[in-house]
Protein backbone atom coordinates (compact mmCIF):
# COMPACT_ATOMS: atom_id res chain seq x y z
CA UNK A 1 -43.59 108.02 209.90
CA UNK A 2 -43.04 106.24 206.57
CA UNK A 3 -44.15 109.35 204.64
CA UNK A 4 -41.71 111.53 206.60
CA UNK A 5 -38.90 109.05 206.02
CA UNK A 6 -39.70 108.96 202.30
CA UNK A 7 -39.66 112.77 202.06
CA UNK A 8 -36.32 112.94 203.91
CA UNK A 9 -34.84 110.30 201.63
CA UNK A 10 -36.08 112.18 198.57
CA UNK A 11 -34.56 115.43 199.84
CA UNK A 12 -31.22 113.71 200.49
CA UNK A 13 -31.31 112.22 196.99
CA UNK A 14 -32.06 115.61 195.42
CA UNK A 15 -29.27 117.24 197.44
CA UNK A 16 -26.81 114.53 196.37
CA UNK A 17 -27.76 114.98 192.71
CA UNK A 18 -27.38 118.75 192.98
CA UNK A 19 -23.93 118.42 194.58
CA UNK A 20 -22.86 115.84 191.98
CA UNK A 21 -23.97 118.00 189.05
CA UNK A 22 -22.30 121.10 190.50
CA UNK A 23 -19.03 119.23 191.03
CA UNK A 24 -19.22 117.69 187.55
CA UNK A 25 -19.94 121.04 185.91
CA UNK A 26 -17.04 122.73 187.72
CA UNK A 27 -14.62 119.91 186.90
CA UNK A 28 -15.55 120.05 183.21
CA UNK A 29 -14.95 123.81 183.17
CA UNK A 30 -11.51 123.42 184.76
CA UNK A 31 -10.61 120.47 182.53
CA UNK A 32 -11.61 122.39 179.40
CA UNK A 33 -9.22 125.23 180.28
CA UNK A 34 -6.30 122.89 181.04
CA UNK A 35 -7.01 120.63 178.05
CA UNK A 36 -7.09 123.67 175.78
CA UNK A 37 -3.55 124.53 176.89
CA UNK A 38 -2.44 120.93 176.34
CA UNK A 39 -4.00 120.88 172.87
CA UNK A 40 -2.28 124.16 171.93
CA UNK A 41 1.05 122.57 172.91
CA UNK A 42 0.40 119.54 170.69
CA UNK A 43 -0.90 121.67 167.82
CA UNK A 44 1.90 124.24 167.72
CA UNK A 45 4.90 122.21 168.81
CA UNK A 46 4.04 118.79 167.30
CA UNK A 47 1.87 119.83 164.35
CA UNK A 48 -1.35 118.18 165.50
CA UNK A 49 -4.53 119.37 163.75
CA UNK A 50 -6.92 121.77 165.44
CA UNK A 51 -9.97 120.16 167.07
CA UNK A 52 -12.43 122.14 164.93
CA UNK A 53 -10.59 121.06 161.77
CA UNK A 54 -10.83 117.40 162.76
CA UNK A 55 -14.54 117.59 163.58
CA UNK A 56 -15.22 119.41 160.29
CA UNK A 57 -13.37 116.70 158.35
CA UNK A 58 -15.84 114.06 159.56
CA UNK A 59 -18.73 115.95 157.94
CA UNK A 60 -16.86 116.99 154.80
CA UNK A 61 -16.22 114.15 152.31
CA UNK A 62 -13.86 116.41 150.33
CA UNK A 63 -11.62 117.11 153.31
CA UNK A 64 -7.92 117.27 152.46
CA UNK A 65 -6.80 116.25 155.94
CA UNK A 66 -4.13 113.54 155.68
CA UNK A 67 -4.67 110.19 157.36
CA UNK A 68 -1.80 110.83 159.81
CA UNK A 69 -3.30 114.15 160.78
CA UNK A 70 -6.74 112.61 161.10
CA UNK A 71 -5.30 109.95 163.42
CA UNK A 72 -3.74 112.66 165.59
CA UNK A 73 -7.06 114.49 165.57
CA UNK A 74 -8.90 111.38 166.72
CA UNK A 75 -6.36 110.99 169.53
CA UNK A 76 -6.99 114.61 170.52
CA UNK A 77 -10.74 113.98 170.62
CA UNK A 78 -10.10 110.83 172.65
CA UNK A 79 -7.97 112.82 175.10
CA UNK A 80 -10.87 115.21 175.73
CA UNK A 81 -13.45 112.42 175.98
CA UNK A 82 -11.29 110.24 178.25
CA UNK A 83 -10.55 113.18 180.55
CA UNK A 84 -14.24 113.99 180.96
CA UNK A 85 -15.15 110.33 181.56
CA UNK A 86 -12.40 109.88 184.13
CA UNK A 87 -13.49 113.04 185.93
CA UNK A 88 -17.12 111.87 186.00
CA UNK A 89 -16.02 108.47 187.34
CA UNK A 90 -13.80 109.98 190.05
CA UNK A 91 -16.46 112.44 191.18
CA UNK A 92 -19.05 109.67 191.33
CA UNK A 93 -16.65 107.33 193.13
CA UNK A 94 -15.16 109.83 195.57
CA UNK A 95 -17.75 112.05 197.27
CA UNK A 96 -16.54 115.44 198.39
CA UNK A 97 -18.15 118.68 199.49
CA UNK A 98 -18.44 121.64 197.14
CA UNK A 99 -16.28 123.61 199.56
CA UNK A 100 -13.67 120.85 199.41
CA UNK A 101 -13.60 120.96 195.61
CA UNK A 102 -13.38 124.76 195.74
CA UNK A 103 -10.28 124.44 197.92
CA UNK A 104 -8.73 122.00 195.42
CA UNK A 105 -9.14 124.40 192.49
CA UNK A 106 -7.78 127.25 194.58
CA UNK A 107 -4.69 125.20 195.45
CA UNK A 108 -4.11 124.30 191.80
CA UNK A 109 -4.34 127.98 190.88
CA UNK A 110 -1.89 128.90 193.64
CA UNK A 111 0.52 126.17 192.53
CA UNK A 112 0.54 127.60 189.00
CA UNK A 113 1.16 131.08 190.40
CA UNK A 114 3.95 129.83 192.72
CA UNK A 115 5.69 128.08 189.83
CA UNK A 116 5.37 131.20 187.68
CA UNK A 117 6.79 133.37 190.49
CA UNK A 118 9.86 131.19 190.93
CA UNK A 119 10.29 131.04 187.15
CA UNK A 120 10.36 134.82 186.66
CA UNK A 121 12.58 135.28 189.71
CA UNK A 122 15.20 132.72 188.66
CA UNK A 123 15.00 133.34 184.91
CA UNK A 124 15.26 137.09 185.50
CA UNK A 125 18.41 136.73 187.59
CA UNK A 126 20.04 134.20 185.26
CA UNK A 127 19.26 136.11 182.07
CA UNK A 128 20.37 139.41 183.62
CA UNK A 129 23.75 137.89 184.52
CA UNK A 130 24.20 136.49 181.00
CA UNK A 131 23.14 139.81 179.47
CA UNK A 132 25.61 141.68 181.68
CA UNK A 133 28.44 139.36 180.66
CA UNK A 134 27.44 139.80 177.02
CA UNK A 135 27.45 143.59 177.27
CA UNK A 136 30.87 143.61 178.96
CA UNK A 137 32.21 141.04 176.44
CA UNK A 138 32.97 138.54 179.20
CA UNK A 139 30.67 135.78 177.94
CA UNK A 140 33.34 133.89 175.98
CA UNK A 141 35.74 133.89 178.93
CA UNK A 142 33.16 132.58 181.40
CA UNK A 143 31.29 130.00 179.29
CA UNK A 144 33.65 129.29 176.43
CA UNK A 145 33.28 130.37 172.80
CA UNK A 146 30.88 127.64 171.68
CA UNK A 147 28.43 127.98 174.59
CA UNK A 148 28.70 131.77 174.44
CA UNK A 149 27.62 131.73 170.79
CA UNK A 150 24.60 129.63 171.73
CA UNK A 151 23.65 131.98 174.57
CA UNK A 152 23.78 134.89 172.12
CA UNK A 153 20.92 133.33 170.13
CA UNK A 154 17.39 133.76 171.55
CA UNK A 155 16.21 130.23 170.76
CA UNK A 156 19.34 128.58 172.15
CA UNK A 157 19.31 130.71 175.29
CA UNK A 158 15.67 129.76 175.84
CA UNK A 159 16.37 126.04 175.46
CA UNK A 160 19.69 125.94 177.31
CA UNK A 161 19.02 128.45 180.09
CA UNK A 162 15.31 129.24 180.46
CA UNK A 163 13.63 125.86 179.99
CA UNK A 164 15.66 124.02 182.67
CA UNK A 165 14.87 126.87 185.08
CA UNK A 166 11.16 126.55 184.27
CA UNK A 167 11.28 122.85 185.17
CA UNK A 168 13.20 123.66 188.37
CA UNK A 169 10.52 126.24 189.24
CA UNK A 170 7.80 123.58 189.06
CA UNK A 171 9.77 121.42 191.48
CA UNK A 172 10.36 124.30 193.91
CA UNK A 173 6.67 125.29 193.75
CA UNK A 174 5.65 121.73 194.63
CA UNK A 175 7.57 121.83 197.90
CA UNK A 176 7.31 125.53 198.72
CA UNK A 177 3.88 126.81 199.79
CA UNK A 178 4.81 130.50 199.88
CA UNK A 179 3.60 132.65 196.98
CA UNK A 180 6.42 135.16 197.46
CA UNK A 181 4.64 138.30 196.23
CA UNK A 182 6.26 140.41 198.95
CA UNK A 183 9.69 139.29 197.81
CA UNK A 184 8.87 139.97 194.16
CA UNK A 185 7.73 143.50 195.07
CA UNK A 186 10.98 143.99 197.01
CA UNK A 187 12.99 142.76 194.01
CA UNK A 188 11.26 145.28 191.74
CA UNK A 189 12.15 148.09 194.15
CA UNK A 190 15.77 146.89 194.47
CA UNK A 191 16.16 146.57 190.70
CA UNK A 192 14.80 150.07 190.15
CA UNK A 193 16.99 151.42 192.97
CA UNK A 194 20.03 149.80 191.35
CA UNK A 195 19.24 151.56 188.06
CA UNK A 196 19.04 154.93 189.83
CA UNK A 197 22.35 154.40 191.67
CA UNK A 198 24.26 153.10 188.64
CA UNK A 199 22.88 155.83 186.35
CA UNK A 200 23.35 158.91 188.55
CA UNK A 201 26.35 157.83 190.62
CA UNK A 202 28.39 155.68 188.24
CA UNK A 203 26.91 156.88 184.91
CA UNK A 204 26.30 153.28 183.93
CA UNK A 205 23.08 152.00 182.41
CA UNK A 206 22.27 149.14 180.05
CA UNK A 207 19.08 147.99 178.33
CA UNK A 208 18.88 144.71 180.23
CA UNK A 209 18.48 146.57 183.53
CA UNK A 210 15.21 148.18 182.45
CA UNK A 211 14.07 144.86 180.93
CA UNK A 212 14.53 143.15 184.29
CA UNK A 213 12.36 145.72 186.10
CA UNK A 214 9.57 145.39 183.51
CA UNK A 215 9.84 141.60 183.59
CA UNK A 216 9.42 141.40 187.36
CA UNK A 217 6.84 144.17 187.64
CA UNK A 218 4.56 142.68 184.96
CA UNK A 219 4.76 139.31 186.70
CA UNK A 220 3.99 140.85 190.08
CA UNK A 221 0.93 142.67 188.72
CA UNK A 222 -0.57 139.73 186.81
CA UNK A 223 0.34 136.78 189.04
CA UNK A 224 -1.01 138.41 192.19
CA UNK A 225 -4.48 138.91 190.69
CA UNK A 226 -5.83 135.45 191.53
CA UNK A 227 -4.47 135.53 195.10
CA UNK A 228 -5.87 139.03 195.65
CA UNK A 229 -9.30 137.91 194.45
CA UNK A 230 -9.34 134.94 196.83
CA UNK A 231 -8.23 137.07 199.77
CA UNK A 232 -10.75 139.79 198.89
CA UNK A 233 -7.91 142.31 198.77
CA UNK A 234 -8.79 144.06 195.52
CA UNK A 235 -10.31 147.54 195.37
CA UNK A 236 -14.08 147.29 195.04
CA UNK A 237 -16.93 149.78 194.92
CA UNK A 238 -20.03 148.13 196.38
CA UNK A 239 -23.10 150.21 195.61
CA UNK A 240 -25.76 147.48 195.67
CA UNK A 241 -23.80 144.40 196.77
CA UNK A 242 -23.06 145.73 200.29
CA UNK A 243 -26.79 145.90 201.07
CA UNK A 244 -27.59 142.40 199.83
CA UNK A 245 -28.34 139.47 202.13
CA UNK A 246 -25.81 136.65 202.28
CA UNK A 247 -27.91 134.50 199.92
CA UNK A 248 -28.13 137.30 197.36
CA UNK A 249 -24.38 137.83 197.63
CA UNK A 250 -23.84 134.13 197.03
CA UNK A 251 -26.07 134.27 193.94
CA UNK A 252 -24.16 137.29 192.62
CA UNK A 253 -20.79 135.60 193.20
CA UNK A 254 -21.89 132.29 191.67
CA UNK A 255 -23.54 133.74 188.58
CA UNK A 256 -20.98 136.51 188.14
CA UNK A 257 -18.09 134.01 188.19
CA UNK A 258 -19.65 131.94 185.41
CA UNK A 259 -21.12 134.57 183.08
CA UNK A 260 -18.68 137.45 183.67
CA UNK A 261 -15.40 136.09 185.08
CA UNK A 262 -14.82 132.90 183.08
CA UNK A 263 -15.71 134.39 179.67
CA UNK A 264 -13.01 137.05 180.14
CA UNK A 265 -10.42 134.34 180.87
CA UNK A 266 -11.60 132.25 177.94
CA UNK A 267 -11.48 135.27 175.61
CA UNK A 268 -7.84 135.90 176.56
CA UNK A 269 -6.91 132.28 175.90
CA UNK A 270 -8.91 131.88 172.68
CA UNK A 271 -7.88 135.12 170.97
CA UNK A 272 -4.36 135.00 172.36
CA UNK A 273 -3.67 131.38 171.38
CA UNK A 274 -6.20 130.63 168.62
CA UNK A 275 -3.67 130.58 165.77
CA UNK A 276 0.10 130.67 165.35
CA UNK A 277 -0.17 134.38 164.58
CA UNK A 278 -2.15 135.19 167.73
CA UNK A 279 -0.73 137.84 170.04
CA UNK A 280 0.22 135.55 172.93
CA UNK A 281 1.45 132.42 171.18
CA UNK A 282 3.40 134.04 168.31
CA UNK A 283 6.10 135.59 170.57
CA UNK A 284 6.51 132.28 172.42
CA UNK A 285 6.92 130.27 169.22
CA UNK A 286 9.48 132.71 167.80
CA UNK A 287 11.37 133.35 171.08
CA UNK A 288 10.75 137.08 170.56
CA UNK A 289 13.27 139.44 172.17
CA UNK A 290 13.36 143.19 172.77
CA UNK A 291 14.39 145.51 169.95
CA UNK A 292 17.33 146.85 171.95
CA UNK A 293 20.56 145.21 170.90
CA UNK A 294 21.82 144.33 174.39
CA UNK A 295 18.58 143.69 176.25
CA UNK A 296 17.40 140.53 177.96
CA UNK A 297 15.99 137.63 175.94
CA UNK A 298 12.81 137.26 177.98
CA UNK A 299 10.16 139.14 175.98
CA UNK A 300 8.61 135.88 174.74
CA UNK A 301 8.09 134.78 178.35
CA UNK A 302 6.23 138.02 179.12
CA UNK A 303 3.61 136.99 176.55
CA UNK A 304 2.98 133.92 178.70
CA UNK A 305 2.16 136.12 181.71
CA UNK A 306 -1.35 136.75 180.37
CA UNK A 307 -1.81 133.00 179.84
CA UNK A 308 -0.86 132.37 183.48
CA UNK A 309 -3.20 135.18 184.52
CA UNK A 310 -6.14 133.77 182.55
CA UNK A 311 -5.67 130.18 183.76
CA UNK A 312 -5.13 131.07 187.43
CA UNK A 313 -8.10 133.45 187.41
CA UNK A 314 -10.32 130.89 185.68
CA UNK A 315 -9.59 128.31 188.39
CA UNK A 316 -10.27 130.89 191.11
CA UNK A 317 -13.59 131.84 189.49
CA UNK A 318 -14.55 128.15 189.49
CA UNK A 319 -13.55 127.96 193.16
CA UNK A 320 -15.74 130.99 193.97
CA UNK A 321 -18.64 129.44 192.06
CA UNK A 322 -18.39 126.25 194.12
CA UNK A 323 -18.04 128.09 197.44
CA UNK A 324 -21.10 130.19 196.66
CA UNK A 325 -23.05 127.13 195.53
CA UNK A 326 -22.14 125.35 198.78
CA UNK A 327 -23.67 128.22 200.76
CA UNK A 328 -26.79 128.29 198.60
CA UNK A 329 -27.27 124.53 199.01
CA UNK A 330 -26.86 124.81 202.81
CA UNK A 331 -23.77 122.61 202.85
CA UNK A 332 -22.33 121.96 206.31
CA UNK A 333 -19.41 124.27 207.04
CA UNK A 334 -20.05 126.41 203.94
CA UNK A 335 -18.32 129.78 204.04
CA UNK A 336 -20.41 132.94 204.05
CA UNK A 337 -19.98 135.24 201.02
CA UNK A 338 -17.32 137.89 201.55
CA UNK A 339 -17.22 141.51 200.51
CA UNK A 340 -19.34 144.51 201.24
CA UNK A 341 -18.78 144.40 204.98
CA UNK A 342 -17.60 148.01 205.23
């Protein structure tokens, strides 16, 4: 009886350790992605040194890094270290199932997507109205000469018009649980229909109208990716996977998420935001606009679409990894792997 009790206790201890390590590993992956974004903000907007530069300065006695910059670098290192320690403490202190953690990461991903949806919807409408008034030379009469001059400049329009809407979008996304992809698809159709009517019936067409369609369509395509993956709604060709047992499917999903899915997301973030000249961060820093003289001033925001895509997909891949791990570890209530049923 004592031997059986000891074996059961040992199994429970091993299971607890496995769950703890899985949760810790997943939380570190998610934190690394989010902390990378936070560090890019500090580096590019507030001139903090890059993490690799700071670490290299500790091993290079001839480093030219100024003391102020070194202090900022130490704070950046401390931010990473403190985040990881707090996560480890919270996971140790607050037990949760792997499936429960998977649901948390999925919800965070969906919140980011919801906020992005409301941002492109509201920014698109607001910028289209301002662009229309600018084309028809009505901007001064509606907003006054001083404000109209500011709205004619990409940087000022971004700060005055776009940024407040982005903050409002975060607030709306917090209270609204609907992702709104159906409405965004409808808006794309209506915008394109409006172009057809105005062009062929009224012989009226402006650059900002085409910009609005591209702005909404690109958002619809990229923001829906994470949701589609979670709902198993993407097009898939299962040659081997469909014949696998549930455990083999879980292994494929868990390993594939970590060694195939996450590296793609990380590659997008690293090469798109690695330096100020990188393809995704450069347009955002310069408030890049379209080459057409009377188009919308939203091209710089379209560069951020791929950042949203990479972050939301990374969190979903972590969620899939945890759900698959829960099934492999025989967690109570674990969901069976999906896909390959047909």
